[in-house]
Amino acid sequence: MQFELTGRADHGCGSDPATARADLGGTREALSEWSPLSRLSQAQREKVDAALDELVQRLTLVATVGEPRGMV
């Protein structure tokens, strides 16, 4: 999304605004299907929490690799 909004991925073709709209539309659709955490059982909330913890750990590794290369 960052590259679409800044125009860095466009390379002159002018498709970045349409790509950004499509990305946002897909995100909106995915989020509309989620249940609020208040509707989940304790076991389901714990499963979500564990999955998010794992995701954060993985993203930290990506940032650690990307930062010295100027990618972050």
N, C-alpha and C. Protein backbone atom coordinates (compact mmCIF):
# COMPACT_ATOMS: atom_id res chain seq x y z
N MET A 1 0.82 -1.18 0.00
CA MET A 1 0.00 0.00 0.00
C MET A 1 0.87 1.25 0.00
N GLN A 2 1.97 1.20 0.74
CA GLN A 2 2.86 2.36 0.83
C GLN A 2 3.33 2.78 -0.56
N PHE A 3 3.67 1.83 -1.39
CA PHE A 3 4.22 2.16 -2.70
C PHE A 3 3.14 2.67 -3.65
N GLU A 4 1.91 2.18 -3.51
CA GLU A 4 0.82 2.70 -4.33
C GLU A 4 0.51 4.14 -3.96
N LEU A 5 0.50 4.44 -2.66
CA LEU A 5 0.14 5.79 -2.22
C LEU A 5 1.22 6.81 -2.55
N THR A 6 2.46 6.38 -2.61
CA THR A 6 3.54 7.32 -2.92
C THR A 6 3.86 7.38 -4.41
N GLY A 7 3.30 6.45 -5.18
CA GLY A 7 3.58 6.41 -6.61
C GLY A 7 4.86 5.70 -6.97
N ARG A 8 5.54 5.10 -5.99
CA ARG A 8 6.83 4.46 -6.25
C ARG A 8 6.69 3.16 -7.03
N ALA A 9 5.49 2.55 -7.04
CA ALA A 9 5.32 1.29 -7.76
C ALA A 9 4.68 1.50 -9.13
N ASP A 10 4.34 2.73 -9.47
CA ASP A 10 3.55 3.01 -10.67
C ASP A 10 4.33 2.84 -11.96
N HIS A 11 5.53 3.32 -12.02
CA HIS A 11 6.40 3.25 -13.21
C HIS A 11 5.73 3.85 -14.44
N GLY A 12 4.89 4.89 -14.21
CA GLY A 12 4.30 5.62 -15.32
C GLY A 12 3.00 5.08 -15.87
N CYS A 13 2.50 3.98 -15.38
CA CYS A 13 1.29 3.40 -15.98
C CYS A 13 0.00 4.00 -15.43
N GLY A 14 0.07 4.69 -14.28
CA GLY A 14 -1.11 5.36 -13.74
C GLY A 14 -2.11 4.45 -13.05
N SER A 15 -1.73 3.24 -12.71
CA SER A 15 -2.69 2.31 -12.10
C SER A 15 -2.67 2.32 -10.57
N ASP A 16 -1.78 3.10 -9.97
CA ASP A 16 -1.68 3.08 -8.50
C ASP A 16 -2.98 3.45 -7.78
N PRO A 17 -3.71 4.49 -8.19
CA PRO A 17 -4.96 4.80 -7.48
C PRO A 17 -5.96 3.64 -7.53
N ALA A 18 -6.09 2.98 -8.66
CA ALA A 18 -7.01 1.85 -8.78
C ALA A 18 -6.54 0.68 -7.92
N THR A 19 -5.24 0.45 -7.87
CA THR A 19 -4.70 -0.62 -7.04
C THR A 19 -4.95 -0.33 -5.57
N ALA A 20 -4.74 0.90 -5.15
CA ALA A 20 -4.98 1.28 -3.75
C ALA A 20 -6.45 1.11 -3.40
N ARG A 21 -7.36 1.52 -4.30
CA ARG A 21 -8.80 1.34 -4.04
C ARG A 21 -9.15 -0.14 -3.92
N ALA A 22 -8.59 -0.96 -4.79
CA ALA A 22 -8.86 -2.40 -4.73
C ALA A 22 -8.33 -3.01 -3.44
N ASP A 23 -7.13 -2.59 -3.03
CA ASP A 23 -6.56 -3.09 -1.78
C ASP A 23 -7.45 -2.72 -0.59
N LEU A 24 -7.91 -1.48 -0.55
CA LEU A 24 -8.77 -1.03 0.54
C LEU A 24 -10.12 -1.75 0.51
N GLY A 25 -10.65 -1.96 -0.68
CA GLY A 25 -11.92 -2.69 -0.79
C GLY A 25 -11.80 -4.11 -0.29
N GLY A 26 -10.71 -4.77 -0.63
CA GLY A 26 -10.49 -6.14 -0.15
C GLY A 26 -10.32 -6.20 1.36
N THR A 27 -9.60 -5.22 1.89
CA THR A 27 -9.42 -5.17 3.34
C THR A 27 -10.74 -4.92 4.04
N ARG A 28 -11.53 -3.99 3.51
CA ARG A 28 -12.84 -3.69 4.10
C ARG A 28 -13.73 -4.93 4.10
N GLU A 29 -13.73 -5.67 3.00
CA GLU A 29 -14.55 -6.88 2.90
C GLU A 29 -14.10 -7.93 3.90
N ALA A 30 -12.80 -8.12 4.02
CA ALA A 30 -12.28 -9.11 4.97
C ALA A 30 -12.63 -8.74 6.40
N LEU A 31 -12.49 -7.46 6.73
CA LEU A 31 -12.78 -7.03 8.10
C LEU A 31 -14.27 -7.10 8.42
N SER A 32 -15.13 -6.95 7.43
CA SER A 32 -16.57 -6.99 7.69
C SER A 32 -17.02 -8.38 8.09
N GLU A 33 -16.22 -9.40 7.77
CA GLU A 33 -16.59 -10.77 8.11
C GLU A 33 -16.09 -11.19 9.48
N TRP A 34 -15.28 -10.39 10.13
CA TRP A 34 -14.75 -10.73 11.44
C TRP A 34 -15.80 -10.53 12.52
N SER A 35 -15.73 -11.36 13.53
CA SER A 35 -16.59 -11.20 14.70
C SER A 35 -15.90 -10.29 15.70
N PRO A 36 -16.64 -9.44 16.36
CA PRO A 36 -16.03 -8.63 17.43
C PRO A 36 -15.47 -9.55 18.51
N LEU A 37 -14.36 -9.15 19.11
CA LEU A 37 -13.74 -9.98 20.15
C LEU A 37 -14.70 -10.27 21.29
N SER A 38 -15.61 -9.35 21.56
CA SER A 38 -16.56 -9.55 22.67
C SER A 38 -17.49 -10.74 22.41
N ARG A 39 -17.64 -11.15 21.16
CA ARG A 39 -18.51 -12.30 20.84
C ARG A 39 -17.77 -13.63 20.90
N LEU A 40 -16.46 -13.59 21.02
CA LEU A 40 -15.68 -14.82 21.04
C LEU A 40 -15.61 -15.40 22.45
N SER A 41 -15.49 -16.71 22.50
CA SER A 41 -15.29 -17.37 23.79
C SER A 41 -13.88 -17.09 24.28
N GLN A 42 -13.63 -17.41 25.53
CA GLN A 42 -12.29 -17.22 26.10
C GLN A 42 -11.25 -18.01 25.30
N ALA A 43 -11.57 -19.24 24.94
CA ALA A 43 -10.63 -20.09 24.19
C ALA A 43 -10.36 -19.48 22.80
N GLN A 44 -11.39 -18.93 22.17
CA GLN A 44 -11.21 -18.32 20.85
C GLN A 44 -10.36 -17.06 20.95
N ARG A 45 -10.59 -16.25 21.99
CA ARG A 45 -9.77 -15.03 22.18
C ARG A 45 -8.31 -15.40 22.43
N GLU A 46 -8.08 -16.46 23.19
CA GLU A 46 -6.70 -16.90 23.45
C GLU A 46 -6.04 -17.36 22.16
N LYS A 47 -6.80 -18.02 21.30
CA LYS A 47 -6.25 -18.48 20.02
C LYS A 47 -5.88 -17.28 19.13
N VAL A 48 -6.75 -16.28 19.09
CA VAL A 48 -6.46 -15.05 18.33
C VAL A 48 -5.23 -14.36 18.90
N ASP A 49 -5.15 -14.26 20.22
CA ASP A 49 -4.01 -13.62 20.87
C ASP A 49 -2.71 -14.34 20.52
N ALA A 50 -2.73 -15.67 20.56
CA ALA A 50 -1.53 -16.44 20.23
C ALA A 50 -1.12 -16.23 18.77
N ALA A 51 -2.11 -16.20 17.88
CA ALA A 51 -1.81 -16.00 16.46
C ALA A 51 -1.21 -14.62 16.22
N LEU A 52 -1.75 -13.60 16.88
CA LEU A 52 -1.22 -12.24 16.72
C LEU A 52 0.18 -12.12 17.32
N ASP A 53 0.42 -12.78 18.45
CA ASP A 53 1.77 -12.79 19.03
C ASP A 53 2.78 -13.38 18.05
N GLU A 54 2.40 -14.50 17.43
CA GLU A 54 3.30 -15.13 16.46
C GLU A 54 3.54 -14.21 15.25
N LEU A 55 2.48 -13.56 14.78
CA LEU A 55 2.62 -12.64 13.66
C LEU A 55 3.57 -11.49 13.98
N VAL A 56 3.43 -10.93 15.17
CA VAL A 56 4.30 -9.82 15.57
C VAL A 56 5.75 -10.28 15.62
N GLN A 57 5.99 -11.48 16.12
CA GLN A 57 7.36 -12.01 16.16
C GLN A 57 7.93 -12.15 14.75
N ARG A 58 7.13 -12.66 13.84
CA ARG A 58 7.60 -12.84 12.46
C ARG A 58 7.87 -11.48 11.79
N LEU A 59 6.99 -10.52 12.02
CA LEU A 59 7.18 -9.20 11.43
C LEU A 59 8.40 -8.50 12.01
N THR A 60 8.70 -8.75 13.26
CA THR A 60 9.91 -8.19 13.88
C THR A 60 11.15 -8.70 13.16
N LEU A 61 11.14 -9.98 12.80
CA LEU A 61 12.27 -10.54 12.06
C LEU A 61 12.42 -9.88 10.69
N VAL A 62 11.31 -9.62 10.03
CA VAL A 62 11.36 -8.96 8.73
C VAL A 62 11.94 -7.56 8.87
N ALA A 63 11.49 -6.82 9.87
CA ALA A 63 12.01 -5.47 10.10
C ALA A 63 13.50 -5.49 10.43
N THR A 64 13.91 -6.48 11.19
CA THR A 64 15.32 -6.59 11.56
C THR A 64 16.19 -6.84 10.33
N VAL A 65 15.72 -7.65 9.41
CA VAL A 65 16.46 -7.94 8.18
C VAL A 65 16.41 -6.75 7.24
N GLY A 66 15.25 -6.11 7.12
CA GLY A 66 15.07 -5.04 6.16
C GLY A 66 15.71 -3.73 6.54
N GLU A 67 15.79 -3.42 7.82
CA GLU A 67 16.30 -2.12 8.27
C GLU A 67 17.73 -1.85 7.80
N PRO A 68 18.69 -2.78 8.01
CA PRO A 68 20.06 -2.47 7.55
C PRO A 68 20.16 -2.29 6.04
N ARG A 69 19.20 -2.82 5.31
CA ARG A 69 19.23 -2.72 3.85
C ARG A 69 18.46 -1.51 3.36
N GLY A 70 17.93 -0.71 4.27
CA GLY A 70 17.19 0.47 3.90
C GLY A 70 15.81 0.16 3.34
N MET A 71 15.27 -0.99 3.69
CA MET A 71 13.97 -1.42 3.15
C MET A 71 12.82 -1.05 4.08
N VAL A 72 13.10 -0.60 5.27
CA VAL A 72 12.04 -0.30 6.24
C VAL A 72 11.88 1.18 6.35
